[in-house]
Protein backbone atom coordinates (compact mmCIF):
# COMPACT_ATOMS: atom_id res chain seq x y z
CA MET A 1 30.63 -18.24 -7.19
CA ASN A 2 30.31 -15.65 -4.90
CA ARG A 3 31.48 -12.31 -6.49
CA GLN A 4 31.71 -9.55 -4.60
CA THR A 5 32.84 -5.12 -5.72
CA ASN A 6 34.03 -2.48 -3.73
CA PRO A 7 31.25 0.23 -4.56
CA THR A 8 32.08 3.64 -5.22
CA GLU A 9 31.91 6.33 -2.93
CA MET A 10 29.53 9.26 -2.58
CA THR A 11 29.72 12.09 -0.84
CA GLN A 12 27.08 11.34 1.57
CA ALA A 13 24.89 13.76 3.72
CA ALA A 14 25.34 13.37 7.78
CA THR A 15 22.61 11.34 8.88
CA PRO A 16 19.67 13.04 10.85
CA MET A 17 19.01 12.08 14.70
CA GLY A 18 16.74 9.30 15.65
CA THR A 19 17.06 7.53 12.29
CA HIS A 20 18.67 4.76 10.76
CA GLU A 21 21.95 5.71 9.24
CA GLY A 22 21.91 6.83 5.80
CA TYR A 23 18.14 6.60 5.47
CA MET A 24 15.25 9.01 6.64
CA PRO A 25 11.71 6.98 8.24
CA GLY A 26 8.35 7.46 6.23
CA PHE A 27 6.09 6.46 3.53
CA GLY A 28 5.03 9.46 1.07
CA ASN A 29 7.19 11.67 3.25
CA ASP A 30 7.84 15.42 2.03
CA PHE A 31 11.48 15.29 2.74
CA GLU A 32 14.58 17.61 2.81
CA THR A 33 18.59 16.38 2.81
CA GLU A 34 21.70 18.25 1.73
CA ALA A 35 25.20 16.82 1.39
CA LEU A 36 26.45 20.16 2.10
CA PRO A 37 25.44 22.70 4.08
CA GLY A 38 23.43 25.23 2.60
CA ALA A 39 22.81 23.44 -0.70
CA LEU A 40 19.61 23.18 0.03
CA PRO A 41 17.39 26.39 -0.76
CA GLN A 42 14.98 27.69 2.05
CA GLY A 43 12.18 29.11 1.78
CA MET A 44 11.40 28.64 -2.23
CA ASN A 45 12.96 26.39 -4.95
CA SER A 46 14.55 28.14 -7.81
CA PRO A 47 16.89 30.97 -6.42
CA GLN A 48 18.09 33.27 -8.54
CA LYS A 49 21.21 31.55 -7.63
CA VAL A 50 21.51 28.13 -5.68
CA ASN A 51 25.03 27.60 -3.55
CA TYR A 52 27.64 26.06 -4.81
CA GLY A 53 26.92 27.03 -8.41
CA LEU A 54 24.37 24.40 -8.65
CA TYR A 55 21.46 24.04 -10.77
CA GLY A 56 18.02 23.63 -9.68
CA GLU A 57 15.38 21.40 -11.56
CA GLN A 58 12.14 19.43 -10.86
CA LEU A 59 11.35 15.92 -11.35
CA SER A 60 8.00 15.74 -11.28
CA GLY A 61 6.64 12.10 -10.75
CA THR A 62 2.38 13.15 -11.39
CA ALA A 63 0.94 15.38 -13.65
CA PHE A 64 1.66 19.37 -12.44
CA THR A 65 -1.95 19.53 -12.24
CA ALA A 66 -2.66 16.35 -9.56
CA PRO A 67 -4.62 16.50 -6.96
CA SER A 68 -2.92 17.55 -4.47
CA HIS A 69 -2.59 14.50 -1.92
CA GLN A 70 -1.36 12.54 -5.31
CA ASN A 71 1.14 15.09 -6.37
CA GLU A 72 4.88 14.01 -6.54
CA ARG A 73 7.62 16.14 -7.46
CA THR A 74 11.42 16.42 -5.77
CA TRP A 75 13.27 19.96 -6.36
CA CYS A 76 17.10 18.18 -7.01
CA TYR A 77 19.83 20.94 -6.78
CA ARG A 78 22.78 19.59 -9.12
CA ILE A 79 26.12 20.21 -10.53
CA ARG A 80 25.10 19.68 -13.85
CA PRO A 81 21.34 19.97 -14.94
CA SER A 82 19.60 16.46 -16.56
CA VAL A 83 20.17 17.72 -20.63
CA LYS A 84 23.72 17.79 -19.45
CA HIS A 85 23.70 14.52 -19.22
CA SER A 86 22.17 13.50 -22.19
CA GLY A 87 23.01 13.41 -25.84
CA ARG A 88 22.19 11.45 -29.45
CA TYR A 89 20.73 8.36 -28.61
CA THR A 90 21.63 5.19 -30.12
CA ARG A 91 18.64 2.17 -30.14
CA ILE A 92 20.42 -1.06 -28.14
CA ASP A 93 18.52 -4.40 -28.09
CA VAL A 94 18.57 -6.05 -24.83
CA PRO A 95 17.32 -9.40 -25.76
CA TYR A 96 15.91 -10.45 -22.52
CA TRP A 97 14.06 -7.47 -21.05
CA LYS A 98 10.83 -7.30 -23.10
CA SER A 99 7.49 -4.71 -22.58
CA ALA A 100 3.98 -5.36 -22.83
CA PRO A 101 2.40 -5.76 -25.49
CA HIS A 102 3.92 -8.88 -25.79
CA VAL A 103 2.70 -11.84 -26.79
CA VAL A 104 4.83 -14.76 -28.26
CA GLU A 105 2.65 -17.28 -31.08
CA ASP A 106 3.98 -20.21 -29.88
CA VAL A 107 4.23 -19.79 -26.27
CA THR A 108 0.64 -20.26 -24.67
CA SER A 109 0.02 -18.32 -21.52
CA LEU A 110 -3.42 -20.48 -20.94
CA GLY A 111 -2.47 -22.65 -18.27
CA GLN A 112 -1.28 -23.04 -14.72
CA TYR A 113 2.89 -22.25 -14.43
CA ARG A 114 5.88 -22.94 -11.40
CA TRP A 115 9.38 -23.02 -12.57
CA ASP A 116 12.19 -23.85 -10.81
CA PRO A 117 14.80 -21.07 -9.67
CA VAL A 118 16.60 -19.78 -12.99
CA PRO A 119 19.98 -21.08 -12.76
CA HIS A 120 22.97 -18.19 -12.47
CA SER A 121 25.75 -18.87 -15.26
CA GLU A 122 29.69 -18.15 -15.63
CA GLN A 123 28.74 -15.24 -17.62
CA ASP A 124 28.99 -11.44 -16.35
CA LEU A 125 25.66 -9.97 -16.07
CA THR A 126 24.57 -6.15 -15.01
CA TRP A 127 21.42 -5.20 -13.41
CA ILE A 128 20.49 -4.72 -17.64
CA THR A 129 22.06 -7.77 -19.31
CA GLY A 130 21.25 -9.61 -16.73
CA MET A 131 17.19 -9.24 -16.26
CA ARG A 132 15.18 -11.80 -17.93
CA THR A 133 11.48 -10.87 -18.21
CA MET A 134 8.71 -13.91 -17.09
CA THR A 135 5.55 -12.33 -17.89
CA THR A 136 4.24 -8.35 -19.62
CA ALA A 137 0.16 -7.49 -18.93
CA GLY A 138 -1.24 -4.26 -20.52
CA ASP A 139 0.59 -1.60 -22.89
CA VAL A 140 3.11 0.15 -21.76
CA ASN A 141 2.67 2.87 -24.67
CA THR A 142 -1.07 3.74 -22.55
CA GLN A 143 0.66 3.28 -19.00
CA VAL A 144 -1.29 0.31 -18.10
CA GLY A 145 0.04 -3.12 -16.53
CA MET A 146 2.93 -4.54 -15.71
CA ALA A 147 5.71 -6.71 -16.09
CA SER A 148 7.51 -9.47 -13.91
CA HIS A 149 11.20 -10.42 -14.32
CA ILE A 150 14.14 -12.51 -12.50
CA TYR A 151 17.68 -10.34 -12.05
CA LEU A 152 20.59 -12.21 -12.32
CA VAL A 153 23.90 -9.99 -11.58
CA THR A 154 26.60 -11.05 -11.00
CA ALA A 155 28.91 -7.38 -11.94
CA SER A 156 28.54 -4.32 -11.10
CA MET A 157 27.56 -1.11 -13.41
CA LYS A 158 31.05 0.88 -13.98
CA ASP A 159 30.51 4.19 -15.40
CA GLU A 160 26.95 2.88 -16.69
CA TYR A 161 24.03 4.08 -15.75
CA PHE A 162 20.14 3.65 -15.97
CA TYR A 163 16.51 5.02 -15.64
CA SER A 164 13.01 3.57 -17.37
CA ALA A 165 10.84 6.43 -18.92
CA ASP A 166 8.16 3.78 -19.08
CA SER A 167 7.75 2.28 -15.09
CA GLU A 168 8.67 2.21 -11.46
CA MET A 169 10.38 -0.85 -9.94
CA LEU A 170 9.39 -2.97 -7.38
CA VAL A 171 12.84 -4.63 -6.40
CA VAL A 172 12.49 -8.22 -4.41
CA PRO A 173 16.25 -9.39 -3.74
CA GLN A 174 16.16 -13.80 -3.18
CA GLU A 175 19.87 -14.14 -3.08
CA GLY A 176 22.88 -12.15 -2.98
CA ARG A 177 23.12 -7.99 -1.93
CA LEU A 178 22.75 -5.05 -4.53
CA ARG A 179 23.31 -1.42 -3.49
CA PHE A 180 21.27 1.10 -5.91
CA ALA A 181 23.62 4.10 -6.08
CA THR A 182 20.52 6.82 -7.18
CA GLU A 183 20.26 10.33 -7.95
CA LEU A 184 18.88 11.09 -4.83
CA GLY A 185 21.30 8.68 -2.35
CA ILE A 186 21.75 5.41 -1.94
CA ILE A 187 19.85 2.48 -1.32
CA ASP A 188 21.59 -1.26 -0.43
CA ILE A 189 19.11 -4.44 -0.25
CA GLU A 190 19.60 -8.07 0.69
CA PRO A 191 17.12 -10.64 1.32
CA LYS A 192 13.52 -9.99 3.01
CA GLU A 193 13.86 -6.42 2.01
CA ILE A 194 12.56 -4.52 -0.72
CA ALA A 195 13.48 -1.11 -2.61
CA VAL A 196 11.01 0.25 -5.12
CA ILE A 197 12.67 3.10 -8.02
CA PRO A 198 10.97 5.81 -9.40
CA ARG A 199 9.92 6.73 -12.70
CA GLY A 200 12.66 8.97 -14.62
CA LEU A 201 15.31 8.64 -11.96
CA VAL A 202 18.94 7.41 -12.89
CA TYR A 203 20.74 5.03 -11.43
CA ARG A 204 23.68 2.81 -10.99
CA VAL A 205 23.30 -1.33 -9.74
CA GLU A 206 26.46 -2.54 -7.86
CA VAL A 207 26.82 -6.08 -6.70
CA LEU A 208 27.72 -5.59 -2.66
CA GLU A 209 27.46 -9.91 -2.71
CA GLY A 210 26.84 -12.45 -5.58
CA PRO A 211 25.96 -13.81 -7.24
CA ALA A 212 22.89 -11.56 -6.86
CA ARG A 213 18.65 -13.22 -8.06
CA GLY A 214 15.50 -11.46 -7.46
CA PHE A 215 12.74 -10.79 -8.56
CA VAL A 216 10.92 -7.65 -9.88
CA CYS A 217 7.82 -6.13 -10.89
CA GLU A 218 8.03 -3.42 -13.51
CA ASN A 219 4.70 -0.44 -12.91
CA TYR A 220 3.41 0.77 -15.78
CA GLY A 221 0.89 2.65 -14.06
CA GLN A 222 -0.05 4.67 -11.44
CA LYS A 223 2.47 4.39 -8.37
CA PHE A 224 2.52 1.92 -5.52
CA GLU A 225 1.07 3.32 -2.57
CA LEU A 226 -0.09 2.14 0.82
CA PRO A 227 -2.99 0.09 0.73
CA GLY A 228 -6.68 1.61 2.63
CA ARG A 229 -6.58 -0.03 5.88
CA GLY A 230 -10.31 0.32 5.96
CA PRO A 231 -11.79 -1.38 9.62
CA ILE A 232 -8.28 -2.57 10.15
CA GLY A 233 -7.60 0.71 11.63
CA ALA A 234 -4.47 2.52 12.04
CA ASN A 235 -1.87 0.49 12.30
CA CYS A 236 -0.59 -3.08 11.57
CA MET A 237 -0.03 -4.24 7.33
CA ALA A 238 3.52 -2.39 6.51
CA ASN A 239 3.40 0.62 8.57
CA PRO A 240 4.70 4.13 6.93
CA ARG A 241 7.61 4.58 9.80
CA ASP A 242 9.11 1.40 8.65
CA PHE A 243 10.03 2.92 5.16
CA LYS A 244 13.32 4.55 4.12
CA THR A 245 14.52 6.94 2.08
CA PRO A 246 18.27 7.74 1.51
CA VAL A 247 19.41 10.78 2.71
CA ALA A 248 21.16 12.63 -0.57
CA ALA A 249 24.71 11.49 -2.14
CA TYR A 250 26.50 13.06 -4.97
CA GLU A 251 29.33 12.39 -6.94
CA ASP A 252 31.32 15.03 -8.63
CA ARG A 253 33.24 12.69 -11.30
CA ASP A 254 34.35 13.42 -14.51
CA ALA A 255 34.84 9.85 -16.77
CA PRO A 256 33.58 8.36 -19.81
CA SER A 257 30.13 7.16 -19.31
CA THR A 258 27.26 5.54 -20.98
CA LEU A 259 23.31 7.20 -20.06
CA THR A 260 21.14 3.79 -20.86
CA ILE A 261 17.21 4.81 -21.29
CA LYS A 262 13.95 2.25 -21.19
CA TRP A 263 11.25 4.20 -22.83
CA CYS A 264 7.95 2.82 -24.49
CA GLY A 265 9.02 -0.96 -24.32
CA GLN A 266 12.63 0.65 -26.59
CA PHE A 267 16.01 0.87 -24.79
CA HIS A 268 18.19 3.98 -25.85
CA GLU A 269 22.04 4.38 -25.14
CA THR A 270 23.47 7.75 -24.94
CA GLU A 271 27.36 8.77 -24.12
CA ILE A 272 28.27 11.59 -21.23
CA GLY A 273 31.56 12.47 -19.86
CA HIS A 274 30.57 12.54 -16.55
CA SER A 275 28.44 10.98 -13.87
CA PRO A 276 24.71 11.97 -13.14
CA LEU A 277 24.60 11.12 -9.92
CA ASP A 278 25.45 14.41 -9.28
CA VAL A 279 22.30 15.75 -6.68
CA VAL A 280 23.77 17.76 -4.16
CA ALA A 281 20.81 18.52 -1.99
CA TRP A 282 17.24 17.90 -2.61
CA HIS A 283 13.79 18.29 -1.52
CA GLY A 284 9.88 16.59 -1.90
CA ASN A 285 8.05 13.67 -2.13
CA TYR A 286 9.10 11.86 -5.14
CA CYS A 287 12.47 9.40 -4.16
CA PRO A 288 13.11 5.84 -4.18
CA VAL A 289 12.50 4.38 -1.19
CA LYS A 290 13.40 0.53 0.84
CA TYR A 291 11.17 -1.67 3.33
CA ASP A 292 12.20 -4.48 5.27
CA LEU A 293 9.54 -7.35 5.24
CA ARG A 294 10.33 -8.63 8.80
CA ASN A 295 8.56 -5.13 9.64
CA TYR A 296 5.46 -6.14 8.23
CA CYS A 297 2.88 -6.91 10.37
CA PRO A 298 0.16 -9.53 9.07
CA VAL A 299 -3.33 -9.49 10.53
CA GLY A 300 -5.96 -12.58 10.62
CA ALA A 301 -8.96 -14.29 11.80
CA ILE A 302 -8.94 -15.07 15.80
CA LEU A 303 -11.91 -17.22 15.85
CA PHE A 304 -13.10 -19.42 12.36
CA ASP A 305 -12.59 -18.54 8.47
CA HIS A 306 -10.09 -16.62 6.79
CA PRO A 307 -9.66 -13.42 5.45
CA ASP A 308 -8.79 -12.83 1.05
CA PRO A 309 -5.36 -13.17 0.79
CA SER A 310 -5.72 -9.60 0.07
CA ILE A 311 -5.45 -8.87 3.85
CA PHE A 312 -1.54 -9.35 2.77
CA THR A 313 -1.17 -6.59 0.83
CA VAL A 314 2.10 -4.60 1.11
CA LEU A 315 1.50 -1.85 -1.67
CA THR A 316 -0.87 -1.26 -4.28
CA ALA A 317 -1.13 0.83 -7.26
CA PRO A 318 -4.25 1.41 -8.45
CA SER A 319 -6.13 1.36 -11.63
CA GLY A 320 -8.61 3.62 -11.70
CA VAL A 321 -11.31 0.98 -11.23
CA PRO A 322 -12.25 1.27 -7.12
CA GLY A 323 -10.77 -1.71 -5.46
CA THR A 324 -9.01 -3.38 -8.60
CA ALA A 325 -5.29 -2.43 -8.54
CA ASN A 326 -3.38 -2.41 -11.96
CA ILE A 327 -0.94 -4.24 -9.32
CA ASP A 328 -0.98 -5.27 -5.56
CA PHE A 329 2.47 -6.67 -3.91
CA VAL A 330 0.96 -8.97 -1.14
CA LEU A 331 3.12 -10.80 1.23
CA PHE A 332 2.73 -14.33 2.74
CA ARG A 333 5.12 -14.32 5.92
CA GLU A 334 5.54 -15.92 9.02
CA ARG A 335 2.02 -15.70 11.31
CA TRP A 336 -0.31 -17.54 14.12
CA MET A 337 -3.09 -19.08 12.26
CA VAL A 338 -5.69 -20.09 14.93
CA ALA A 339 -8.75 -20.40 13.35
CA GLU A 340 -11.28 -22.71 14.75
CA ASP A 341 -12.99 -25.49 12.07
CA THR A 342 -11.75 -24.44 9.26
CA PHE A 343 -9.34 -24.85 6.47
CA ARG A 344 -6.70 -22.95 6.73
CA PRO A 345 -4.61 -23.11 3.46
CA PRO A 346 -5.40 -21.04 0.96
CA TRP A 347 -8.79 -22.36 -0.65
CA TYR A 348 -9.39 -23.63 -4.30
CA HIS A 349 -10.73 -20.61 -6.46
CA LYS A 350 -10.84 -19.43 -9.47
CA ASN A 351 -9.82 -15.21 -9.98
CA VAL A 352 -10.42 -12.29 -11.96
CA MET A 353 -7.18 -11.22 -11.06
CA SER A 354 -3.83 -12.86 -12.62
CA GLU A 355 -1.59 -14.01 -9.85
CA LEU A 356 2.53 -14.39 -10.02
CA MET A 357 4.05 -15.94 -7.23
CA GLY A 358 8.03 -16.01 -5.94
CA ASN A 359 9.38 -17.84 -3.35
CA ILE A 360 11.97 -15.27 -1.47
CA TYR A 361 12.16 -18.27 1.49
CA GLY A 362 11.24 -21.48 3.09
CA GLN A 363 8.04 -23.53 2.64
CA TYR A 364 4.32 -22.02 1.25
CA ASP A 365 1.60 -23.81 3.14
CA ALA A 366 -0.85 -24.17 -0.10
CA LYS A 367 2.30 -26.32 -1.59
CA PRO A 368 4.64 -28.28 0.56
CA GLN A 369 6.58 -29.52 -2.40
CA GLY A 370 7.63 -28.37 -5.81
CA PHE A 371 7.55 -24.26 -4.71
CA VAL A 372 11.18 -23.43 -3.97
CA PRO A 373 12.68 -20.44 -3.11
CA GLY A 374 13.55 -18.68 -5.97
CA GLY A 375 10.98 -20.07 -7.70
CA MET A 376 7.91 -18.66 -9.75
CA SER A 377 4.42 -19.83 -10.08
CA LEU A 378 1.57 -18.05 -12.33
CA HIS A 379 -2.13 -18.97 -12.02
CA ASN A 380 -3.78 -16.71 -14.90
CA MET A 381 -7.24 -14.90 -14.73
CA MET A 382 -10.06 -17.41 -13.90
CA LEU A 383 -7.71 -20.25 -14.32
CA PRO A 384 -8.44 -22.49 -11.21
CA HIS A 385 -6.05 -23.33 -8.58
CA GLY A 386 -5.34 -24.13 -4.76
CA PRO A 387 -3.63 -26.76 -2.87
CA ASP A 388 -2.02 -29.52 -3.74
CA LYS A 389 -3.52 -33.47 -2.37
CA ASN A 390 -1.23 -33.42 0.82
CA ALA A 391 -1.64 -29.93 1.73
CA PHE A 392 -5.06 -30.51 1.30
CA GLU A 393 -5.22 -33.68 2.94
CA GLY A 394 -2.96 -32.30 5.87
CA ALA A 395 -5.62 -29.09 6.33
CA SER A 396 -8.74 -30.93 6.44
CA ASN A 397 -7.23 -33.69 9.22
CA ALA A 398 -4.90 -31.75 11.45
CA ASP A 399 -5.45 -31.20 14.85
CA LEU A 400 -6.59 -27.22 14.98
CA GLY A 401 -5.10 -26.10 17.84
CA PRO A 402 -2.78 -22.86 17.22
CA GLU A 403 0.14 -23.38 14.79
CA LYS A 404 2.85 -21.26 13.98
CA LEU A 405 4.00 -21.14 10.42
CA ASP A 406 7.65 -20.43 10.03
CA ASN A 407 10.59 -20.04 7.97
CA THR A 408 8.12 -18.97 5.16
CA MET A 409 8.29 -15.62 2.89
CA SER A 410 6.27 -15.83 -0.35
CA PHE A 411 4.85 -12.99 -3.05
CA MET A 412 2.37 -12.40 -5.25
CA PHE A 413 2.87 -9.72 -7.95
CA GLU A 414 -1.26 -9.63 -8.73
CA THR A 415 -2.77 -7.60 -11.56
CA ARG A 416 -6.33 -7.05 -13.40
CA PHE A 417 -4.64 -8.19 -16.24
CA PRO A 418 -4.02 -11.38 -17.88
CA GLN A 419 0.11 -11.98 -17.77
CA HIS A 420 1.57 -13.68 -21.10
CA LEU A 421 4.18 -15.61 -21.37
CA THR A 422 7.89 -14.12 -22.89
CA GLU A 423 9.37 -16.90 -25.06
CA PHE A 424 12.22 -16.94 -22.33
CA ALA A 425 9.58 -17.83 -19.58
CA GLY A 426 7.88 -20.36 -22.06
CA LYS A 427 10.86 -22.14 -23.45
CA GLU A 428 14.52 -21.70 -21.82
CA ALA A 429 13.50 -20.68 -17.65
CA PRO A 430 13.09 -24.06 -15.86
CA LEU A 431 9.32 -24.90 -16.39
CA GLN A 432 8.29 -27.93 -14.11
CA ASP A 433 6.08 -29.74 -16.88
CA ASP A 434 4.72 -31.96 -14.47
CA TYR A 435 3.26 -28.56 -12.27
CA ILE A 436 -0.29 -29.55 -13.76
CA ASP A 437 -0.40 -32.96 -12.29
CA CYS A 438 0.27 -31.82 -8.60
CA TRP A 439 -4.13 -31.75 -8.49
CA ASP A 440 -4.33 -35.13 -10.58
CA SER A 441 -4.53 -37.74 -7.17
CA LEU A 442 -7.68 -35.02 -5.87
CA GLU A 443 -10.31 -38.03 -4.56
CA LYS A 444 -13.83 -37.13 -5.07
CA LYS A 445 -15.11 -37.74 -1.95
CA PHE A 446 -18.68 -37.38 -2.59
CA ASP A 447 -21.09 -40.64 -1.82
CA GLY A 448 -24.40 -38.99 -1.37
CA THR A 449 -24.72 -39.90 2.33
CA PRO A 450 -25.80 -37.21 4.69
CA GLY A 451 -24.01 -35.55 7.16
CA LYS A 452 -20.87 -36.79 5.77
CA LYS A 453 -17.49 -34.86 6.02
């Protein structure tokens, strides 16, 4: 099944010199962009009259009085103010998209779990109807925690728009290509890329190449930011210049349309008569962004042992507790292994953080079998896990020359909160019932002999 639709045309800003076509580089920058010349006011935010008869409107991603280095807002100059993009709201049911707190009495979240890829169906599924929540953590009402989802998208949204008042969305494609047509511009993503869609931003999702499947981390808490590098210094890991924010693009189109809003875990619809993607110009630092994971530059040990997996953090969402994230997004990609006298795969451990992993492509070094592209695993807080027997024996007896880990890209959504399985994850998704058995064949090697290894 390979579905493709013709994306809707939007009037887009001319590409600035020296950047990737349609995008501006940088993470957390203060951008400015206009799709029509002179649409962006200069030297002020709110002139008495804006050119082209546009309306000035601010979109605030933080409290007005947040510290200046954390304050995020964008000024939009649009054809209609956002209040014209809403009317009377009707509560609707989106049965497979769940929010925390969500505890299912007859589903046990205590355990080590792994799933095969959730299969596609012949049903037409959009970004909203194709979302399948796997786990929830924290509380959407107090804006802490997260939810993890699988998306299965086979159909474009047509005259349909969406925004979440609850969360920003970190999107990790595994199959197919999607277009996010947003109020602030167009983002196209495919496997090996990610996108971050801010809380409150209106968008439409179109299928460029389908069927599309991927992973979503719905972040209820503080926004994702780049992790502090500490002694690593100014370079490597995810570099700010590799993040791309779209240039302005807008629609001036009258058509009966539906806007769906996610608010405190509930879904509501409102009917409007036009496209809400009508921002002609904007400036600010609260905006969507994409990133190519192939640009992530991993660092690691070059003599013995190896650092904690936190060394592979791409983005982090702080919790207010220093060093303990609401969410870390961690990437395990191709890299060289060179450490001497070292067990090189991830070691056995129990962790105060809860770890949900997904495989984008290839083979994960700690689980040579069973953890396949499109699959997921969950190791909840303080539950032991680590390599299976084959991985342990292979790494314990390998010739430790320089080795390139190739054809591998997996990730982790790690959170300080326990992740609760949804009914879909526990009863409908293709759960590997025998996953726990992968450790059964681990042998006792201790016999009291001094010096034995």
